[in-house]
Every structure is written in structure tokens, then in C-alpha cells.
C-alpha atoms as a PDB file:
ATOM      1  CA  MET A   1     100.803 117.383  29.991  1.00  0.00           C
ATOM      2  CA  THR A   2      98.785 119.744  27.921  1.00  0.00           C
ATOM      3  CA  ASP A   3      99.133 120.426  24.273  1.00  0.00           C
ATOM      4  CA  ALA A   4     100.420 123.912  25.036  1.00  0.00           C
ATOM      5  CA  SER A   5     103.317 122.604  27.098  1.00  0.00           C
ATOM      6  CA  LEU A   6     104.470 120.219  24.361  1.00  0.00           C
ATOM      7  CA  GLY A   7     104.813 123.011  21.824  1.00  0.00           C
ATOM      8  CA  THR A   8     104.884 122.410  18.139  1.00  0.00           C
ATOM      9  CA  ARG A   9     108.073 122.922  16.238  1.00  0.00           C
ATOM     10  CA  ARG A  10     107.578 124.880  13.082  1.00  0.00           C
ATOM     11  CA  THR A  11     109.850 124.650  10.097  1.00  0.00           C
ATOM     12  CA  PRO A  12     112.129 127.693   9.889  1.00  0.00           C
ATOM     13  CA  THR A  13     110.924 130.252   7.387  1.00  0.00           C
ATOM     14  CA  TRP A  14     114.238 130.379   5.530  1.00  0.00           C
ATOM     15  CA  ILE A  15     114.023 126.668   4.657  1.00  0.00           C
ATOM     16  CA  LEU A  16     110.514 127.131   3.261  1.00  0.00           C
ATOM     17  CA  ALA A  17     111.726 130.177   1.332  1.00  0.00           C
ATOM     18  CA  VAL A  18     114.635 128.254  -0.212  1.00  0.00           C
ATOM     19  CA  VAL A  19     112.425 125.305  -1.233  1.00  0.00           C
ATOM     20  CA  GLY A  20     109.707 127.639  -2.527  1.00  0.00           C
ATOM     21  CA  GLY A  21     112.248 129.758  -4.388  1.00  0.00           C
ATOM     22  CA  PHE A  22     113.812 126.730  -6.048  1.00  0.00           C
ATOM     23  CA  PHE A  23     110.488 125.380  -7.239  1.00  0.00           C
ATOM     24  CA  GLY A  24     109.286 128.891  -8.072  1.00  0.00           C
ATOM     25  CA  LEU A  25     112.170 129.290 -10.506  1.00  0.00           C
ATOM     26  CA  ILE A  26     111.216 126.056 -12.250  1.00  0.00           C
ATOM     27  CA  TYR A  27     107.554 127.118 -12.455  1.00  0.00           C
ATOM     28  CA  ALA A  28     108.677 130.511 -13.804  1.00  0.00           C
ATOM     29  CA  GLY A  29     110.799 128.723 -16.406  1.00  0.00           C
ATOM     30  CA  ALA A  30     107.730 126.833 -17.588  1.00  0.00           C
ATOM     31  CA  ALA A  31     105.755 130.075 -17.866  1.00  0.00           C
ATOM     32  CA  TRP A  32     108.633 131.786 -19.675  1.00  0.00           C
ATOM     33  CA  LEU A  33     108.868 128.893 -22.140  1.00  0.00           C
ATOM     34  CA  ALA A  34     105.168 129.306 -22.907  1.00  0.00           C
ATOM     35  CA  ILE A  35     105.655 133.059 -23.412  1.00  0.00           C
ATOM     36  CA  SER A  36     108.556 132.534 -25.811  1.00  0.00           C
ATOM     37  CA  THR A  37     106.661 129.899 -27.769  1.00  0.00           C
ATOM     38  CA  THR A  38     103.664 132.212 -28.031  1.00  0.00           C
ATOM     39  CA  ILE A  39     105.884 134.946 -29.454  1.00  0.00           C
ATOM     40  CA  LEU A  40     107.384 132.536 -31.999  1.00  0.00           C
ATOM     41  CA  LEU A  41     103.919 131.503 -33.233  1.00  0.00           C
ATOM     42  CA  ALA A  42     102.927 135.113 -33.828  1.00  0.00           C
ATOM     43  CA  PRO A  43      99.878 134.993 -36.136  1.00  0.00           C
ATOM     44  CA  LEU A  44      97.439 133.079 -33.905  1.00  0.00           C
ATOM     45  CA  ASN A  45      93.672 132.877 -34.161  1.00  0.00           C
ATOM     46  CA  ALA A  46      91.312 133.005 -31.151  1.00  0.00           C
ATOM     47  CA  LEU A  47      91.775 129.328 -30.259  1.00  0.00           C
ATOM     48  CA  GLY A  48      95.541 129.651 -30.478  1.00  0.00           C
ATOM     49  CA  TRP A  49      95.562 132.692 -28.213  1.00  0.00           C
ATOM     50  CA  PHE A  50      93.325 130.942 -25.691  1.00  0.00           C
ATOM     51  CA  ILE A  51      95.536 127.843 -25.612  1.00  0.00           C
ATOM     52  CA  TRP A  52      98.800 129.735 -25.266  1.00  0.00           C
ATOM     53  CA  ILE A  53      97.548 132.276 -22.731  1.00  0.00           C
ATOM     54  CA  PHE A  54      96.256 129.408 -20.614  1.00  0.00           C
ATOM     55  CA  ALA A  55      99.639 127.685 -21.066  1.00  0.00           C
ATOM     56  CA  ILE A  56     101.261 130.856 -19.681  1.00  0.00           C
ATOM     57  CA  LEU A  57      98.871 131.110 -16.733  1.00  0.00           C
ATOM     58  CA  PHE A  58      98.735 127.435 -15.778  1.00  0.00           C
ATOM     59  CA  PRO A  59     102.193 127.249 -14.101  1.00  0.00           C
ATOM     60  CA  VAL A  60     101.377 130.366 -12.063  1.00  0.00           C
ATOM     61  CA  ILE A  61      98.026 128.927 -10.978  1.00  0.00           C
ATOM     62  CA  ALA A  62      99.559 125.533 -10.183  1.00  0.00           C
ATOM     63  CA  PHE A  63     102.287 127.128  -8.046  1.00  0.00           C
ATOM     64  CA  ALA A  64      99.775 129.283  -6.181  1.00  0.00           C
ATOM     65  CA  VAL A  65      97.513 126.310  -5.420  1.00  0.00           C
ATOM     66  CA  SER A  66     100.441 124.099  -4.409  1.00  0.00           C
ATOM     67  CA  PHE A  67     101.819 126.833  -2.170  1.00  0.00           C
ATOM     68  CA  ALA A  68      98.444 127.525  -0.550  1.00  0.00           C
ATOM     69  CA  LEU A  69      97.836 123.846   0.155  1.00  0.00           C
ATOM     70  CA  SER A  70     101.191 123.071   1.728  1.00  0.00           C
ATOM     71  CA  TYR A  71     103.182 126.006   3.106  1.00  0.00           C
ATOM     72  CA  ARG A  72     102.014 125.428   6.700  1.00  0.00           C
ATOM     73  CA  ARG A  73     102.982 121.782   6.686  1.00  0.00           C
ATOM     74  CA  GLY A  74     106.446 120.312   7.006  1.00  0.00           C
ATOM     75  CA  VAL A  75     109.161 120.953   4.492  1.00  0.00           C
ATOM     76  CA  ALA A  76     108.924 117.422   3.039  1.00  0.00           C
ATOM     77  CA  VAL A  77     105.180 117.747   2.381  1.00  0.00           C
ATOM     78  CA  TYR A  78     105.746 121.246   1.003  1.00  0.00           C
ATOM     79  CA  ALA A  79     108.384 119.997  -1.447  1.00  0.00           C
ATOM     80  CA  LEU A  80     106.319 116.975  -2.491  1.00  0.00           C
ATOM     81  CA  VAL A  81     103.196 119.041  -3.172  1.00  0.00           C
ATOM     82  CA  LEU A  82     105.232 121.536  -5.211  1.00  0.00           C
ATOM     83  CA  LEU A  83     106.779 118.620  -7.102  1.00  0.00           C
ATOM     84  CA  ALA A  84     103.321 117.155  -7.789  1.00  0.00           C
ATOM     85  CA  GLY A  85     102.159 120.541  -9.098  1.00  0.00           C
ATOM     86  CA  LEU A  86     105.232 120.668 -11.322  1.00  0.00           C
ATOM     87  CA  GLY A  87     104.300 117.246 -12.666  1.00  0.00           C
ATOM     88  CA  LEU A  88     100.854 118.596 -13.572  1.00  0.00           C
ATOM     89  CA  VAL A  89     102.487 121.531 -15.349  1.00  0.00           C
ATOM     90  CA  ALA A  90     104.704 119.144 -17.323  1.00  0.00           C
ATOM     91  CA  VAL A  91     101.759 116.986 -18.392  1.00  0.00           C
ATOM     92  CA  PHE A  92      99.766 120.063 -19.383  1.00  0.00           C
ATOM     93  CA  TRP A  93     102.741 121.406 -21.356  1.00  0.00           C
ATOM     94  CA  LEU A  94     103.064 118.118 -23.262  1.00  0.00           C
ATOM     95  CA  ASN A  95      99.347 118.227 -24.047  1.00  0.00           C
ATOM     96  CA  VAL A  96      99.609 121.785 -25.368  1.00  0.00           C
ATOM     97  CA  ILE A  97     102.653 120.979 -27.480  1.00  0.00           C
ATOM     98  CA  SER A  98     101.114 117.828 -28.921  1.00  0.00           C
ATOM     99  CA  TYR A  99      97.792 119.513 -29.700  1.00  0.00           C
ATOM    100  CA  THR A 100      99.332 122.556 -31.345  1.00  0.00           C
ATOM    101  CA  SER A 101     101.863 120.549 -33.346  1.00  0.00           C
ATOM    102  CA  LEU A 102      99.255 118.087 -34.636  1.00  0.00           C
ATOM    103  CA  ASN A 103      96.605 120.758 -35.328  1.00  0.00           C
ATOM    104  CA  THR A 104      98.713 123.683 -36.459  1.00  0.00           C
ATOM    105  CA  SER A 105      96.170 124.902 -38.972  1.00  0.00           C
ATOM    106  CA  ALA A 106      93.525 125.107 -36.216  1.00  0.00           C
ATOM    107  CA  VAL A 107      95.536 127.439 -33.981  1.00  0.00           C
ATOM    108  CA  VAL A 108      97.540 129.558 -36.434  1.00  0.00           C
ATOM    109  CA  GLY A 109      95.486 132.158 -38.235  1.00  0.00           C
END
């Protein structure tokens, strides 16, 4: 038998879309939380703007990297890589919150 005759079964696109959409909503929620927190801390200095803009962009970057690394693999690997990226977003968010709450005078102008 050749490899061509065995055929590889691909995961249906709709399953990948559902898993990606579910995780995409959670990543978008993290970005939206960073946007709302940035608006609440209105008078920021340059360091504050840098931290909060990066906090807004990090979930988008993490989702894009997770998606690019895993969308051609099986649905289990796809979900696990997206979950790992979400874990990185959560750790980064805790770091941002702890830094800005402990050093408020350094980020608020």
C-alpha cells in the first residue's frame, strides 16, 4: 500500500471553527478587559500607556500564534495549544495587574 491509498482523514472545518470561535471569544474577552481597564485609568504616562497597550495586544498575538501553530493538526492538539496560549494570557494579565497595582504612581501620570 502506498501513502496515497491510505488517505489521511482531516478534521472537519466546522469543528475547528467551533473550537476556534469558543477560544477566540475568551481571548477577545481578555483583550476587552484590558481595554476597559485602560479607559478607567485615564491619565496614564508613557510607561502606563506602553503596559496597557501591550496588555491589549498580547491576547490577540497569543491567539494568532496559537492558531498558526495548531490549526492543521487534530482538534485535540488545536484545543490544547489554544488553552496553553490562554494560560499565557492569564499569567501575563496577573503580572500586569500586580505591577500596576503595586506601582500605581509609576504608571499614572
